[in-house]
C-alpha atoms as a PDB file:
ATOM      1  CA  MET A   1     126.675  93.780   2.162  1.00  0.00           C
ATOM      2  CA  THR A   2     123.879  95.823   1.001  1.00  0.00           C
ATOM      3  CA  THR A   3     123.255  96.766  -2.594  1.00  0.00           C
ATOM      4  CA  SER A   4     121.211  99.697  -3.809  1.00  0.00           C
ATOM      5  CA  ARG A   5     118.720  99.538  -6.449  1.00  0.00           C
ATOM      6  CA  SER A   6     116.933 102.371  -8.239  1.00  0.00           C
ATOM      7  CA  ALA A   7     113.310 102.926  -7.431  1.00  0.00           C
ATOM      8  CA  SER A   8     112.430 101.907 -11.147  1.00  0.00           C
ATOM      9  CA  ALA A   9     114.226  98.479 -10.762  1.00  0.00           C
ATOM     10  CA  GLU A  10     112.201  97.871  -7.594  1.00  0.00           C
ATOM     11  CA  ARG A  11     108.874  98.716  -8.786  1.00  0.00           C
ATOM     12  CA  PRO A  12     107.197  96.101 -11.087  1.00  0.00           C
ATOM     13  CA  ARG A  13     106.051  97.595 -14.406  1.00  0.00           C
ATOM     14  CA  ARG A  14     102.447  98.244 -14.450  1.00  0.00           C
ATOM     15  CA  LEU A  15     102.363  98.293 -18.224  1.00  0.00           C
ATOM     16  CA  ARG A  16     104.423  96.256 -20.571  1.00  0.00           C
ATOM     17  CA  VAL A  17     104.593  97.522 -24.196  1.00  0.00           C
ATOM     18  CA  THR A  18     106.286  96.120 -27.240  1.00  0.00           C
ATOM     19  CA  ALA A  19     106.831  98.060 -30.414  1.00  0.00           C
ATOM     20  CA  THR A  20     107.270  95.966 -33.620  1.00  0.00           C
ATOM     21  CA  ASP A  21     106.867  96.400 -37.655  1.00  0.00           C
ATOM     22  CA  GLY A  22     103.695  94.925 -38.981  1.00  0.00           C
ATOM     23  CA  ARG A  23     105.473  91.474 -39.217  1.00  0.00           C
ATOM     24  CA  GLY A  24     106.091  91.286 -35.307  1.00  0.00           C
ATOM     25  CA  ARG A  25     109.819  92.209 -35.723  1.00  0.00           C
ATOM     26  CA  PRO A  26     110.956  94.384 -32.765  1.00  0.00           C
ATOM     27  CA  VAL A  27     111.637  98.119 -33.481  1.00  0.00           C
ATOM     28  CA  SER A  28     113.218 100.686 -31.234  1.00  0.00           C
ATOM     29  CA  ALA A  29     111.311 103.590 -32.445  1.00  0.00           C
ATOM     30  CA  ARG A  30     113.525 105.781 -30.188  1.00  0.00           C
ATOM     31  CA  GLY A  31     112.133 104.385 -26.899  1.00  0.00           C
ATOM     32  CA  LEU A  32     108.594 104.355 -27.664  1.00  0.00           C
ATOM     33  CA  ALA A  33     107.627 101.302 -25.719  1.00  0.00           C
ATOM     34  CA  TRP A  34     109.435 102.644 -22.519  1.00  0.00           C
ATOM     35  CA  TRP A  35     107.938 105.924 -23.085  1.00  0.00           C
ATOM     36  CA  LEU A  36     104.426 104.735 -23.188  1.00  0.00           C
ATOM     37  CA  GLU A  37     104.985 102.595 -20.181  1.00  0.00           C
ATOM     38  CA  GLN A  38     105.920 105.824 -18.306  1.00  0.00           C
ATOM     39  CA  ALA A  39     103.233 108.058 -19.558  1.00  0.00           C
ATOM     40  CA  ALA A  40     100.331 105.621 -19.235  1.00  0.00           C
ATOM     41  CA  PRO A  41      97.582 106.354 -16.618  1.00  0.00           C
ATOM     42  CA  SER A  42      98.530 104.996 -13.110  1.00  0.00           C
ATOM     43  CA  ARG A  43      95.476 102.737 -13.238  1.00  0.00           C
ATOM     44  CA  CYS A  44      96.829 101.062 -16.389  1.00  0.00           C
ATOM     45  CA  ARG A  45      97.907  97.329 -15.886  1.00  0.00           C
ATOM     46  CA  GLY A  46      98.635  94.523 -18.473  1.00  0.00           C
ATOM     47  CA  SER A  47     100.312  94.587 -21.948  1.00  0.00           C
ATOM     48  CA  VAL A  48      99.960  96.394 -25.080  1.00  0.00           C
ATOM     49  CA  ALA A  49     101.446  95.893 -28.448  1.00  0.00           C
ATOM     50  CA  VAL A  50     102.230  98.657 -30.755  1.00  0.00           C
ATOM     51  CA  ALA A  51     102.687  97.973 -34.437  1.00  0.00           C
ATOM     52  CA  LEU A  52     104.307 100.451 -36.778  1.00  0.00           C
ATOM     53  CA  VAL A  53     102.989  99.646 -40.339  1.00  0.00           C
ATOM     54  CA  GLY A  54     103.177 101.239 -43.561  1.00  0.00           C
ATOM     55  CA  ASP A  55     100.182 103.155 -45.011  1.00  0.00           C
ATOM     56  CA  SER A  56      98.961 100.422 -47.442  1.00  0.00           C
ATOM     57  CA  THR A  57      98.670  98.108 -44.400  1.00  0.00           C
ATOM     58  CA  MET A  58      96.743 100.748 -42.493  1.00  0.00           C
ATOM     59  CA  ARG A  59      94.457 101.592 -45.374  1.00  0.00           C
ATOM     60  CA  ARG A  60      93.514  97.969 -45.614  1.00  0.00           C
ATOM     61  CA  LEU A  61      93.040  97.755 -41.666  1.00  0.00           C
ATOM     62  CA  ASN A  62      91.089 100.905 -41.731  1.00  0.00           C
ATOM     63  CA  ARG A  63      88.780  99.685 -44.645  1.00  0.00           C
ATOM     64  CA  THR A  64      88.313  96.074 -42.988  1.00  0.00           C
ATOM     65  CA  TYR A  65      87.419  97.369 -39.613  1.00  0.00           C
ATOM     66  CA  ARG A  66      86.029 100.783 -39.932  1.00  0.00           C
ATOM     67  CA  GLY A  67      84.820 100.715 -43.680  1.00  0.00           C
ATOM     68  CA  VAL A  68      86.946 103.651 -44.621  1.00  0.00           C
ATOM     69  CA  SER A  69      89.454 103.177 -47.602  1.00  0.00           C
ATOM     70  CA  LYS A  70      92.273 105.545 -46.602  1.00  0.00           C
ATOM     71  CA  ALA A  71      95.152 105.468 -44.255  1.00  0.00           C
ATOM     72  CA  THR A  72      94.506 106.863 -40.895  1.00  0.00           C
ATOM     73  CA  ASP A  73      97.119 107.816 -38.287  1.00  0.00           C
ATOM     74  CA  VAL A  74      96.307 105.370 -35.433  1.00  0.00           C
ATOM     75  CA  LEU A  75      93.839 102.438 -34.850  1.00  0.00           C
ATOM     76  CA  SER A  76      93.353 100.647 -31.570  1.00  0.00           C
ATOM     77  CA  PHE A  77      92.209  97.067 -31.339  1.00  0.00           C
ATOM     78  CA  PRO A  78      90.960  95.639 -27.969  1.00  0.00           C
ATOM     79  CA  PRO A  79      91.351  91.942 -27.282  1.00  0.00           C
ATOM     80  CA  GLY A  80      89.086  89.863 -29.364  1.00  0.00           C
ATOM     81  CA  ASP A  81      88.734  92.638 -32.051  1.00  0.00           C
ATOM     82  CA  ASP A  82      92.351  92.905 -33.063  1.00  0.00           C
ATOM     83  CA  PRO A  83      93.841  92.099 -36.569  1.00  0.00           C
ATOM     84  CA  VAL A  84      96.604  89.788 -34.820  1.00  0.00           C
ATOM     85  CA  VAL A  85      99.302  92.041 -36.208  1.00  0.00           C
ATOM     86  CA  VAL A  86     102.009  91.365 -33.448  1.00  0.00           C
ATOM     87  CA  PRO A  87     102.584  88.509 -31.028  1.00  0.00           C
ATOM     88  CA  ARG A  88     100.840  88.366 -27.737  1.00  0.00           C
ATOM     89  CA  LEU A  89     102.552  89.353 -24.284  1.00  0.00           C
ATOM     90  CA  SER A  90     101.866  88.548 -20.733  1.00  0.00           C
ATOM     91  CA  ARG A  91      98.131  88.834 -19.663  1.00  0.00           C
ATOM     92  CA  PRO A  92      96.013  90.879 -19.276  1.00  0.00           C
ATOM     93  CA  PHE A  93      96.413  91.883 -22.597  1.00  0.00           C
ATOM     94  CA  LEU A  94      94.816  95.258 -23.409  1.00  0.00           C
ATOM     95  CA  GLY A  95      95.131  95.217 -27.210  1.00  0.00           C
ATOM     96  CA  ASP A  96      97.016  96.297 -30.215  1.00  0.00           C
ATOM     97  CA  ILE A  97      97.924  99.883 -31.309  1.00  0.00           C
ATOM     98  CA  VAL A  98      98.519 100.313 -34.855  1.00  0.00           C
ATOM     99  CA  ILE A  99     100.351 103.191 -36.185  1.00  0.00           C
ATOM    100  CA  ALA A 100     100.817 104.297 -39.909  1.00  0.00           C
ATOM    101  CA  THR A 101     104.284 105.606 -40.196  1.00  0.00           C
ATOM    102  CA  GLY A 102     103.857 107.454 -43.539  1.00  0.00           C
ATOM    103  CA  VAL A 103     100.809 109.443 -41.940  1.00  0.00           C
ATOM    104  CA  ALA A 104     102.902 110.000 -38.657  1.00  0.00           C
ATOM    105  CA  ARG A 105     105.783 111.347 -40.816  1.00  0.00           C
ATOM    106  CA  ARG A 106     103.666 113.885 -42.704  1.00  0.00           C
ATOM    107  CA  GLN A 107     101.914 114.779 -39.586  1.00  0.00           C
ATOM    108  CA  ALA A 108     105.185 115.390 -37.799  1.00  0.00           C
ATOM    109  CA  LEU A 109     106.274 117.590 -40.579  1.00  0.00           C
ATOM    110  CA  ALA A 110     102.887 119.547 -40.551  1.00  0.00           C
ATOM    111  CA  PHE A 111     103.078 120.050 -36.975  1.00  0.00           C
ATOM    112  CA  ARG A 112     106.782 120.755 -37.070  1.00  0.00           C
ATOM    113  CA  HIS A 113     107.867 118.221 -34.426  1.00  0.00           C
ATOM    114  CA  SER A 114     109.988 115.062 -34.536  1.00  0.00           C
ATOM    115  CA  MET A 115     108.782 111.771 -35.577  1.00  0.00           C
ATOM    116  CA  SER A 116     109.394 110.554 -32.120  1.00  0.00           C
ATOM    117  CA  THR A 117     106.901 113.178 -30.767  1.00  0.00           C
ATOM    118  CA  GLU A 118     104.204 112.107 -33.230  1.00  0.00           C
ATOM    119  CA  LEU A 119     104.742 108.332 -32.457  1.00  0.00           C
ATOM    120  CA  ARG A 120     104.271 109.070 -28.690  1.00  0.00           C
ATOM    121  CA  THR A 121     101.212 111.311 -29.369  1.00  0.00           C
ATOM    122  CA  LEU A 122      99.565 108.625 -31.459  1.00  0.00           C
ATOM    123  CA  ALA A 123     100.446 105.795 -29.212  1.00  0.00           C
ATOM    124  CA  LEU A 124      99.168 107.648 -25.920  1.00  0.00           C
ATOM    125  CA  HIS A 125      95.802 108.370 -27.894  1.00  0.00           C
ATOM    126  CA  GLY A 126      95.591 104.635 -29.007  1.00  0.00           C
ATOM    127  CA  LEU A 127      96.199 103.570 -25.294  1.00  0.00           C
ATOM    128  CA  LEU A 128      93.355 105.635 -24.046  1.00  0.00           C
ATOM    129  CA  HIS A 129      90.891 104.061 -26.558  1.00  0.00           C
ATOM    130  CA  LEU A 130      92.163 100.674 -25.284  1.00  0.00           C
ATOM    131  CA  LEU A 131      91.332 101.712 -21.845  1.00  0.00           C
ATOM    132  CA  GLY A 132      87.732 102.449 -22.968  1.00  0.00           C
ATOM    133  CA  TYR A 133      87.702 106.009 -23.656  1.00  0.00           C
ATOM    134  CA  ASP A 134      85.831 107.386 -26.728  1.00  0.00           C
ATOM    135  CA  HIS A 135      86.383 111.219 -27.705  1.00  0.00           C
ATOM    136  CA  SER A 136      83.408 111.060 -29.956  1.00  0.00           C
ATOM    137  CA  SER A 137      80.810 110.296 -27.262  1.00  0.00           C
ATOM    138  CA  ASP A 138      82.316 110.941 -23.667  1.00  0.00           C
ATOM    139  CA  ARG A 139      81.821 114.576 -23.161  1.00  0.00           C
ATOM    140  CA  GLY A 140      85.288 115.612 -22.953  1.00  0.00           C
ATOM    141  CA  GLU A 141      86.675 112.968 -20.602  1.00  0.00           C
ATOM    142  CA  MET A 142      89.116 111.293 -22.835  1.00  0.00           C
ATOM    143  CA  ALA A 143      90.382 114.682 -24.134  1.00  0.00           C
ATOM    144  CA  ARG A 144      90.945 116.043 -20.517  1.00  0.00           C
ATOM    145  CA  LEU A 145      92.907 112.789 -19.621  1.00  0.00           C
ATOM    146  CA  GLU A 146      94.837 112.992 -22.788  1.00  0.00           C
ATOM    147  CA  ASP A 147      95.731 116.597 -22.268  1.00  0.00           C
ATOM    148  CA  ARG A 148      96.831 115.896 -18.682  1.00  0.00           C
ATOM    149  CA  LEU A 149      99.057 113.040 -19.601  1.00  0.00           C
ATOM    150  CA  ARG A 150     100.795 114.647 -22.406  1.00  0.00           C
ATOM    151  CA  ARG A 151     101.462 117.663 -20.337  1.00  0.00           C
ATOM    152  CA  ARG A 152     103.131 115.458 -17.765  1.00  0.00           C
ATOM    153  CA  ALA A 153     104.863 113.488 -20.461  1.00  0.00           C
ATOM    154  CA  GLY A 154     106.200 116.619 -22.241  1.00  0.00           C
ATOM    155  CA  LEU A 155     104.161 116.413 -25.330  1.00  0.00           C
ATOM    156  CA  PRO A 156     103.368 119.617 -27.140  1.00  0.00           C
ATOM    157  CA  THR A 157      99.831 118.894 -27.771  1.00  0.00           C
ATOM    158  CA  GLY A 158      97.282 116.059 -27.693  1.00  0.00           C
ATOM    159  CA  LEU A 159      95.693 114.372 -30.934  1.00  0.00           C
ATOM    160  CA  ILE A 160      92.068 115.354 -29.721  1.00  0.00           C
ATOM    161  CA  HIS A 161      92.969 119.022 -29.245  1.00  0.00           C
ATOM    162  CA  ARG A 162      94.922 119.492 -32.524  1.00  0.00           C
ATOM    163  CA  GLY A 163      92.202 117.792 -34.550  1.00  0.00           C
ATOM    164  CA  SER A 164      89.450 120.017 -32.911  1.00  0.00           C
ATOM    165  CA  GLY A 165      91.752 123.258 -33.731  1.00  0.00           C
ATOM    166  CA  GLN A 166      91.807 124.012 -30.117  1.00  0.00           C
ATOM    167  CA  SER A 167      95.097 125.392 -28.765  1.00  0.00           C
ATOM    168  CA  PRO A 168      97.202 122.985 -26.469  1.00  0.00           C
END
């Protein structure tokens, strides 16, 4: 007797993502972890932890790690540089992505899309930073990759393009 399995069940996941609150408790966030696993660049291997935190926690992290005393939307912490916000997963561990839910909610309203879309936009941007991309110094490489991945994943715009005032 033969059984049939879906292609996704046969293929090992190249990226494992967990989404938690700031205390390490699992959150669903409307499939954010699964979505990021699917949207990640094909070369992405390992595990990532996404923490959804309040604005006050994000303000503290931004002040501690960047010297900026305000809440930002997303921060990425590579291994060894992270604030140990969430429990560690399997190796290789690529790092933590921390997203401020209050900032994300306000941005979702401002850009007239869902909170789920905003969380996905921020998580994808954070993942690219964990993979070594830096839009402030890479002559557009991260912006091009973010644009290609967000189109493939169905996002209306990327964080870099909307921050620069460019159209999607």
